[in-house]
């Protein structure tokens, strides 16, 4: 059984809704999952997980959230080398550039990235939630 940490930052609740659906999908496939806001996680906690999924909305000029998620991720990245990682988040403008940049950063940091990430435009509707749940199922098998 895979042990997964889903760690996210959410300002409007969109990325949180994604995180919850992803966790539900992974749990449905038998994974042990913890889903936490980044404010409630220490970088050292990540060592105890087989897979870490990070979630952040696109902020500013297509970046991950800069107050909490960016510093946390920057500190965590060196310790994630060789570890299985996935990324996701929501956006309201642009074309998802922040997720592509984040994926490149993960790969440059030596992580094993599940795919190019999962993005949802605006508030996740029923179809997007179902997609997040399916992505969580994929995460459990990663």
Protein backbone atom coordinates (compact mmCIF):
# COMPACT_ATOMS: atom_id res chain seq x y z
CA UNK A 1 0.00 0.00 0.00
CA UNK A 2 1.32 3.40 -1.00
CA UNK A 3 1.63 6.12 1.64
CA UNK A 4 0.78 9.53 0.13
CA UNK A 5 0.94 13.10 1.43
CA UNK A 6 -1.18 15.68 -0.39
CA UNK A 7 0.03 19.11 0.67
CA UNK A 8 -1.64 22.21 -0.75
CA UNK A 9 -2.20 25.94 -0.42
CA UNK A 10 -5.57 27.39 -1.32
CA UNK A 11 -6.80 30.97 -1.19
CA UNK A 12 -10.33 30.61 -2.53
CA UNK A 13 -10.94 26.91 -1.85
CA UNK A 14 -10.48 25.74 -5.46
CA UNK A 15 -7.15 23.99 -4.91
CA UNK A 16 -8.38 22.62 -1.58
CA UNK A 17 -11.39 21.08 -3.35
CA UNK A 18 -8.98 19.50 -5.86
CA UNK A 19 -6.76 18.17 -3.03
CA UNK A 20 -9.72 16.57 -1.28
CA UNK A 21 -10.91 14.85 -4.47
CA UNK A 22 -7.37 13.64 -5.25
CA UNK A 23 -7.02 12.23 -1.72
CA UNK A 24 -10.42 10.52 -2.02
CA UNK A 25 -9.40 8.91 -5.32
CA UNK A 26 -6.11 7.63 -3.91
CA UNK A 27 -7.81 6.30 -0.78
CA UNK A 28 -10.37 4.54 -2.97
CA UNK A 29 -7.51 2.56 -4.52
CA UNK A 30 -6.16 1.53 -1.12
CA UNK A 31 -3.50 4.17 -0.48
CA UNK A 32 -2.96 5.61 2.98
CA UNK A 33 -3.39 9.35 2.42
CA UNK A 34 -2.91 12.47 4.49
CA UNK A 35 -4.24 15.69 2.98
CA UNK A 36 -3.01 18.87 4.68
CA UNK A 37 -2.72 22.59 4.16
CA UNK A 38 0.95 23.53 3.78
CA UNK A 39 0.71 25.60 6.99
CA UNK A 40 0.23 22.33 8.90
CA UNK A 41 3.16 20.39 7.42
CA UNK A 42 6.89 20.45 8.16
CA UNK A 43 9.36 19.61 5.40
CA UNK A 44 10.74 16.82 7.61
CA UNK A 45 7.29 15.17 7.58
CA UNK A 46 7.62 14.40 3.84
CA UNK A 47 10.33 11.78 4.42
CA UNK A 48 7.76 9.31 5.73
CA UNK A 49 5.77 9.16 2.47
CA UNK A 50 6.22 7.17 -0.74
CA UNK A 51 4.58 9.89 -2.84
CA UNK A 52 4.08 13.61 -2.25
CA UNK A 53 1.50 15.59 -4.23
CA UNK A 54 1.83 19.38 -4.06
CA UNK A 55 -1.07 21.68 -4.91
CA UNK A 56 -0.97 25.42 -5.51
CA UNK A 57 -3.04 27.84 -7.53
CA UNK A 58 -1.44 30.05 -10.11
CA UNK A 59 -0.64 33.41 -8.57
CA UNK A 60 0.63 36.74 -9.83
CA UNK A 61 2.53 36.26 -13.04
CA UNK A 62 2.03 32.50 -13.31
CA UNK A 63 3.86 31.31 -10.19
CA UNK A 64 2.98 29.05 -7.29
CA UNK A 65 1.73 30.83 -4.16
CA UNK A 66 4.69 32.85 -2.86
CA UNK A 67 3.94 33.33 0.85
CA UNK A 68 3.76 29.73 2.07
CA UNK A 69 3.95 27.18 -0.77
CA UNK A 70 6.99 28.62 -2.55
CA UNK A 71 9.22 28.75 0.56
CA UNK A 72 8.02 25.31 1.64
CA UNK A 73 8.62 23.78 -1.80
CA UNK A 74 12.03 25.47 -2.16
CA UNK A 75 13.11 24.01 1.18
CA UNK A 76 11.66 20.58 0.39
CA UNK A 77 12.97 20.16 -3.16
CA UNK A 78 16.56 19.12 -2.35
CA UNK A 79 15.25 16.30 -0.13
CA UNK A 80 12.83 15.10 -2.82
CA UNK A 81 15.53 13.94 -5.25
CA UNK A 82 14.54 10.48 -6.48
CA UNK A 83 11.18 10.67 -4.70
CA UNK A 84 7.82 10.29 -6.45
CA UNK A 85 6.12 13.69 -6.77
CA UNK A 86 2.95 15.01 -8.41
CA UNK A 87 1.75 18.60 -8.81
CA UNK A 88 -1.67 20.15 -9.29
CA UNK A 89 -3.60 23.36 -8.92
CA UNK A 90 -6.17 25.79 -10.16
CA UNK A 91 -5.84 28.92 -12.23
CA UNK A 92 -8.04 31.74 -13.38
CA UNK A 93 -6.08 33.29 -16.23
CA UNK A 94 -3.27 32.37 -18.56
CA UNK A 95 -2.76 28.94 -20.02
CA UNK A 96 -1.25 26.96 -17.17
CA UNK A 97 2.31 28.20 -17.60
CA UNK A 98 2.87 28.07 -13.83
CA UNK A 99 2.30 24.30 -13.86
CA UNK A 100 4.72 23.74 -16.76
CA UNK A 101 7.36 25.85 -15.02
CA UNK A 102 6.78 23.95 -11.77
CA UNK A 103 7.08 20.60 -13.58
CA UNK A 104 10.38 21.71 -15.15
CA UNK A 105 11.61 22.75 -11.73
CA UNK A 106 10.68 19.36 -10.28
CA UNK A 107 12.47 17.50 -13.04
CA UNK A 108 15.56 19.71 -12.67
CA UNK A 109 15.51 18.91 -8.96
CA UNK A 110 15.73 15.20 -9.71
CA UNK A 111 12.27 14.09 -8.62
CA UNK A 112 10.31 11.35 -10.35
CA UNK A 113 7.33 13.33 -11.60
CA UNK A 114 4.08 11.42 -12.18
CA UNK A 115 3.08 13.46 -15.24
CA UNK A 116 2.96 17.11 -16.27
CA UNK A 117 0.50 17.90 -13.50
CA UNK A 118 -3.24 18.47 -13.20
CA UNK A 119 -4.74 21.92 -13.74
CA UNK A 120 -8.32 23.09 -13.30
CA UNK A 121 -9.54 26.44 -14.59
CA UNK A 122 -11.48 28.34 -11.91
CA UNK A 123 -13.76 26.47 -9.47
CA UNK A 124 -13.77 22.70 -10.01
CA UNK A 125 -17.17 21.65 -11.38
CA UNK A 126 -18.48 18.08 -11.14
CA UNK A 127 -16.49 16.98 -14.20
CA UNK A 128 -13.28 18.52 -12.81
CA UNK A 129 -13.83 16.88 -9.42
CA UNK A 130 -14.30 13.53 -11.16
CA UNK A 131 -11.06 14.16 -13.08
CA UNK A 132 -9.27 14.96 -9.80
CA UNK A 133 -10.60 11.76 -8.24
CA UNK A 134 -9.36 9.74 -11.24
CA UNK A 135 -5.98 11.50 -11.00
CA UNK A 136 -5.87 10.48 -7.33
CA UNK A 137 -6.49 6.87 -8.37
CA UNK A 138 -3.56 7.18 -10.76
CA UNK A 139 -1.50 8.68 -7.93
CA UNK A 140 -2.16 5.61 -5.77
CA UNK A 141 -0.70 3.39 -8.48
CA UNK A 142 2.32 5.64 -9.12
